[in-house]
Amino acid sequence: MTALTKLKLVNAQADQKTPIAIRRSKLTGKLDLQIALAKAQTEGGVFAATRKKTIKDSETGLRKHVETALTVRPWWWTNQAGTVVLGLRYGSKPIEIAKGKNAIEVGSIDNLVDTLLAVREAIMTGELDAQIEAASGAVRAGFKKK
């Protein structure tokens, strides 16, 4: 028991994440992909996201880890007036940012990264928690049995 006496023993439990913290984390992860895509587009580069996937090898029958390409569709578009508009999404559902407003007018493509960073900050501080909850409910409603 001399080896254990050298260690500092404590009574600890793992922190349980709240559902809103999980939703914020999911949305900021998707937003980080949008930020990387916007940076690549404004700098004239190419953005190629990947994800790790476990597949079963058909020859040996063993599982192996491979990286596959991830399709990232931009959340912004250019409207008829020629200005860039950004729409936020949670899963497949658009997020209503304010009552009757589901998009942010960015102006030019040069302002897009700054706008995405500001939105990320708003999500992390909890300013959009009610809107995220409503969009999450709409996504979950699509999975219920009829």
C-alpha atoms as a PDB file:
ATOM      1  CA  MET A   1       0.000   0.000   0.000  1.00  0.00           C
ATOM      2  CA  THR A   2       2.988   2.361  -0.011  1.00  0.00           C
ATOM      3  CA  ALA A   3       2.463   3.171  -3.702  1.00  0.00           C
ATOM      4  CA  LEU A   4      -1.098   4.420  -3.033  1.00  0.00           C
ATOM      5  CA  THR A   5      -0.048   6.548  -0.084  1.00  0.00           C
ATOM      6  CA  LYS A   6       2.094   8.662  -2.446  1.00  0.00           C
ATOM      7  CA  LEU A   7      -0.965   9.546  -4.526  1.00  0.00           C
ATOM      8  CA  LYS A   8      -3.588  12.155  -3.735  1.00  0.00           C
ATOM      9  CA  LEU A   9      -6.923  10.337  -3.553  1.00  0.00           C
ATOM     10  CA  VAL A  10     -10.182  12.288  -3.948  1.00  0.00           C
ATOM     11  CA  ASN A  11     -13.886  11.540  -4.249  1.00  0.00           C
ATOM     12  CA  ALA A  12     -14.818  12.876  -7.691  1.00  0.00           C
ATOM     13  CA  GLN A  13     -17.550  12.371 -10.243  1.00  0.00           C
ATOM     14  CA  ALA A  14     -17.511  13.205 -13.926  1.00  0.00           C
ATOM     15  CA  ASP A  15     -19.341  16.396 -14.825  1.00  0.00           C
ATOM     16  CA  GLN A  16     -22.638  15.728 -16.559  1.00  0.00           C
ATOM     17  CA  LYS A  17     -23.227  17.976 -19.530  1.00  0.00           C
ATOM     18  CA  THR A  18     -26.609  19.631 -19.678  1.00  0.00           C
ATOM     19  CA  PRO A  19     -28.671  19.188 -22.859  1.00  0.00           C
ATOM     20  CA  ILE A  20     -28.197  22.849 -23.785  1.00  0.00           C
ATOM     21  CA  ALA A  21     -24.411  22.515 -23.391  1.00  0.00           C
ATOM     22  CA  ILE A  22     -24.472  19.505 -25.718  1.00  0.00           C
ATOM     23  CA  ARG A  23     -26.530  21.456 -28.279  1.00  0.00           C
ATOM     24  CA  ARG A  24     -24.199  24.467 -28.043  1.00  0.00           C
ATOM     25  CA  SER A  25     -21.215  22.184 -28.580  1.00  0.00           C
ATOM     26  CA  LYS A  26     -22.832  20.541 -31.604  1.00  0.00           C
ATOM     27  CA  LEU A  27     -23.726  23.881 -33.171  1.00  0.00           C
ATOM     28  CA  THR A  28     -20.304  25.451 -32.542  1.00  0.00           C
ATOM     29  CA  GLY A  29     -18.660  22.396 -34.092  1.00  0.00           C
ATOM     30  CA  LYS A  30     -20.693  22.892 -37.260  1.00  0.00           C
ATOM     31  CA  LEU A  31     -20.015  26.628 -37.099  1.00  0.00           C
ATOM     32  CA  ASP A  32     -16.262  25.970 -36.908  1.00  0.00           C
ATOM     33  CA  LEU A  33     -16.538  24.078 -40.197  1.00  0.00           C
ATOM     34  CA  GLN A  34     -18.385  27.054 -41.707  1.00  0.00           C
ATOM     35  CA  ILE A  35     -15.652  29.423 -40.467  1.00  0.00           C
ATOM     36  CA  ALA A  36     -12.944  27.252 -42.031  1.00  0.00           C
ATOM     37  CA  LEU A  37     -14.918  27.064 -45.291  1.00  0.00           C
ATOM     38  CA  ALA A  38     -15.420  30.848 -45.327  1.00  0.00           C
ATOM     39  CA  LYS A  39     -11.716  31.496 -44.648  1.00  0.00           C
ATOM     40  CA  ALA A  40     -10.738  29.177 -47.487  1.00  0.00           C
ATOM     41  CA  GLN A  41     -13.212  30.803 -49.845  1.00  0.00           C
ATOM     42  CA  THR A  42     -12.138  34.377 -49.041  1.00  0.00           C
ATOM     43  CA  GLU A  43      -8.445  33.461 -49.387  1.00  0.00           C
ATOM     44  CA  GLY A  44      -9.056  31.648 -52.668  1.00  0.00           C
ATOM     45  CA  GLY A  45      -8.086  28.246 -51.271  1.00  0.00           C
ATOM     46  CA  VAL A  46      -9.818  24.891 -51.137  1.00  0.00           C
ATOM     47  CA  PHE A  47     -11.408  23.468 -47.992  1.00  0.00           C
ATOM     48  CA  ALA A  48     -11.612  19.711 -47.616  1.00  0.00           C
ATOM     49  CA  ALA A  49     -13.009  18.451 -44.324  1.00  0.00           C
ATOM     50  CA  THR A  50     -12.592  14.828 -43.264  1.00  0.00           C
ATOM     51  CA  ARG A  51     -14.001  12.624 -40.560  1.00  0.00           C
ATOM     52  CA  LYS A  52     -12.869   9.358 -39.055  1.00  0.00           C
ATOM     53  CA  LYS A  53     -15.009   6.323 -39.763  1.00  0.00           C
ATOM     54  CA  THR A  54     -14.788   2.705 -38.659  1.00  0.00           C
ATOM     55  CA  ILE A  55     -15.459   0.157 -41.394  1.00  0.00           C
ATOM     56  CA  LYS A  56     -15.278  -3.618 -41.595  1.00  0.00           C
ATOM     57  CA  ASP A  57     -12.636  -4.891 -43.992  1.00  0.00           C
ATOM     58  CA  SER A  58     -14.276  -7.259 -46.483  1.00  0.00           C
ATOM     59  CA  GLU A  59     -11.163  -9.413 -46.905  1.00  0.00           C
ATOM     60  CA  THR A  60     -10.055  -9.960 -43.314  1.00  0.00           C
ATOM     61  CA  GLY A  61     -13.297  -9.184 -41.479  1.00  0.00           C
ATOM     62  CA  LEU A  62     -11.470  -6.858 -39.078  1.00  0.00           C
ATOM     63  CA  ARG A  63     -12.541  -3.344 -38.276  1.00  0.00           C
ATOM     64  CA  LYS A  64     -10.284  -0.516 -39.344  1.00  0.00           C
ATOM     65  CA  HIS A  65     -10.310   3.255 -39.071  1.00  0.00           C
ATOM     66  CA  VAL A  66     -10.301   5.335 -42.249  1.00  0.00           C
ATOM     67  CA  GLU A  67     -10.730   9.014 -43.022  1.00  0.00           C
ATOM     68  CA  THR A  68     -13.529   9.923 -45.380  1.00  0.00           C
ATOM     69  CA  ALA A  69     -14.395  13.191 -47.070  1.00  0.00           C
ATOM     70  CA  LEU A  70     -17.027  15.307 -45.374  1.00  0.00           C
ATOM     71  CA  THR A  71     -19.316  17.491 -47.470  1.00  0.00           C
ATOM     72  CA  VAL A  72     -19.708  20.950 -45.963  1.00  0.00           C
ATOM     73  CA  ARG A  73     -22.380  23.052 -47.622  1.00  0.00           C
ATOM     74  CA  PRO A  74     -22.132  26.802 -47.048  1.00  0.00           C
ATOM     75  CA  TRP A  75     -24.787  28.411 -44.884  1.00  0.00           C
ATOM     76  CA  TRP A  76     -24.520  31.682 -46.830  1.00  0.00           C
ATOM     77  CA  TRP A  77     -25.714  32.829 -50.227  1.00  0.00           C
ATOM     78  CA  THR A  78     -25.939  35.978 -52.299  1.00  0.00           C
ATOM     79  CA  ASN A  79     -29.388  37.546 -52.542  1.00  0.00           C
ATOM     80  CA  GLN A  80     -30.867  39.421 -55.502  1.00  0.00           C
ATOM     81  CA  ALA A  81     -29.420  42.718 -54.285  1.00  0.00           C
ATOM     82  CA  GLY A  82     -25.900  41.243 -54.386  1.00  0.00           C
ATOM     83  CA  THR A  83     -25.305  41.129 -50.641  1.00  0.00           C
ATOM     84  CA  VAL A  84     -24.208  38.032 -48.754  1.00  0.00           C
ATOM     85  CA  VAL A  85     -26.798  36.571 -46.374  1.00  0.00           C
ATOM     86  CA  LEU A  86     -26.027  34.033 -43.632  1.00  0.00           C
ATOM     87  CA  GLY A  87     -28.615  31.567 -42.370  1.00  0.00           C
ATOM     88  CA  LEU A  88     -27.953  29.435 -39.284  1.00  0.00           C
ATOM     89  CA  ARG A  89     -29.013  25.785 -39.176  1.00  0.00           C
ATOM     90  CA  TYR A  90     -29.375  23.199 -36.433  1.00  0.00           C
ATOM     91  CA  GLY A  91     -29.354  19.853 -38.191  1.00  0.00           C
ATOM     92  CA  SER A  92     -31.607  20.304 -41.178  1.00  0.00           C
ATOM     93  CA  LYS A  93     -33.741  23.030 -39.584  1.00  0.00           C
ATOM     94  CA  PRO A  94     -33.098  26.776 -39.894  1.00  0.00           C
ATOM     95  CA  ILE A  95     -32.704  28.706 -36.657  1.00  0.00           C
ATOM     96  CA  GLU A  96     -35.031  31.676 -36.234  1.00  0.00           C
ATOM     97  CA  ILE A  97     -32.587  34.232 -34.814  1.00  0.00           C
ATOM     98  CA  ALA A  98     -35.241  36.796 -33.904  1.00  0.00           C
ATOM     99  CA  LYS A  99     -39.018  36.811 -34.281  1.00  0.00           C
ATOM    100  CA  GLY A 100     -39.648  36.427 -38.016  1.00  0.00           C
ATOM    101  CA  LYS A 101     -35.925  36.737 -38.897  1.00  0.00           C
ATOM    102  CA  ASN A 102     -33.980  33.648 -39.932  1.00  0.00           C
ATOM    103  CA  ALA A 103     -30.875  35.168 -41.559  1.00  0.00           C
ATOM    104  CA  ILE A 104     -28.149  37.745 -41.022  1.00  0.00           C
ATOM    105  CA  GLU A 105     -27.252  40.235 -43.747  1.00  0.00           C
ATOM    106  CA  VAL A 106     -23.457  40.177 -43.939  1.00  0.00           C
ATOM    107  CA  GLY A 107     -22.886  42.630 -46.764  1.00  0.00           C
ATOM    108  CA  SER A 108     -19.758  41.511 -48.584  1.00  0.00           C
ATOM    109  CA  ILE A 109     -17.936  38.196 -48.459  1.00  0.00           C
ATOM    110  CA  ASP A 110     -15.063  39.946 -46.659  1.00  0.00           C
ATOM    111  CA  ASN A 111     -17.268  40.422 -43.562  1.00  0.00           C
ATOM    112  CA  LEU A 112     -18.376  36.778 -43.478  1.00  0.00           C
ATOM    113  CA  VAL A 113     -15.663  35.361 -41.220  1.00  0.00           C
ATOM    114  CA  ASP A 114     -16.094  38.170 -38.673  1.00  0.00           C
ATOM    115  CA  THR A 115     -19.860  37.619 -38.684  1.00  0.00           C
ATOM    116  CA  LEU A 116     -19.443  33.869 -38.165  1.00  0.00           C
ATOM    117  CA  LEU A 117     -17.051  34.510 -35.263  1.00  0.00           C
ATOM    118  CA  ALA A 118     -19.557  36.922 -33.696  1.00  0.00           C
ATOM    119  CA  VAL A 119     -22.318  34.315 -34.026  1.00  0.00           C
ATOM    120  CA  ARG A 120     -20.045  31.713 -32.433  1.00  0.00           C
ATOM    121  CA  GLU A 121     -19.427  34.067 -29.519  1.00  0.00           C
ATOM    122  CA  ALA A 122     -23.193  34.606 -29.121  1.00  0.00           C
ATOM    123  CA  ILE A 123     -23.783  30.855 -29.050  1.00  0.00           C
ATOM    124  CA  MET A 124     -21.072  30.268 -26.459  1.00  0.00           C
ATOM    125  CA  THR A 125     -22.431  32.994 -24.174  1.00  0.00           C
ATOM    126  CA  GLY A 126     -25.935  31.537 -24.387  1.00  0.00           C
ATOM    127  CA  GLU A 127     -27.653  34.329 -26.295  1.00  0.00           C
ATOM    128  CA  LEU A 128     -29.272  31.879 -28.723  1.00  0.00           C
ATOM    129  CA  ASP A 129     -30.221  29.107 -26.265  1.00  0.00           C
ATOM    130  CA  ALA A 130     -33.985  29.532 -26.747  1.00  0.00           C
ATOM    131  CA  GLN A 131     -33.638  29.516 -30.536  1.00  0.00           C
ATOM    132  CA  ILE A 132     -31.398  26.424 -30.434  1.00  0.00           C
ATOM    133  CA  GLU A 133     -33.925  24.665 -28.194  1.00  0.00           C
ATOM    134  CA  ALA A 134     -36.759  25.457 -30.609  1.00  0.00           C
ATOM    135  CA  ALA A 135     -34.788  24.197 -33.612  1.00  0.00           C
ATOM    136  CA  SER A 136     -33.774  21.081 -31.691  1.00  0.00           C
ATOM    137  CA  GLY A 137     -37.415  20.397 -30.888  1.00  0.00           C
ATOM    138  CA  ALA A 138     -38.295  20.730 -34.562  1.00  0.00           C
ATOM    139  CA  VAL A 139     -35.552  18.256 -35.507  1.00  0.00           C
ATOM    140  CA  ARG A 140     -36.687  15.776 -32.828  1.00  0.00           C
ATOM    141  CA  ALA A 141     -40.312  16.104 -33.961  1.00  0.00           C
ATOM    142  CA  GLY A 142     -39.307  14.732 -37.341  1.00  0.00           C
ATOM    143  CA  PHE A 143     -38.243  11.446 -35.740  1.00  0.00           C
ATOM    144  CA  LYS A 144     -41.435  10.740 -33.812  1.00  0.00           C
ATOM    145  CA  LYS A 145     -43.736   7.952 -34.907  1.00  0.00           C
ATOM    146  CA  LYS A 146     -46.919   9.073 -36.539  1.00  0.00           C
END
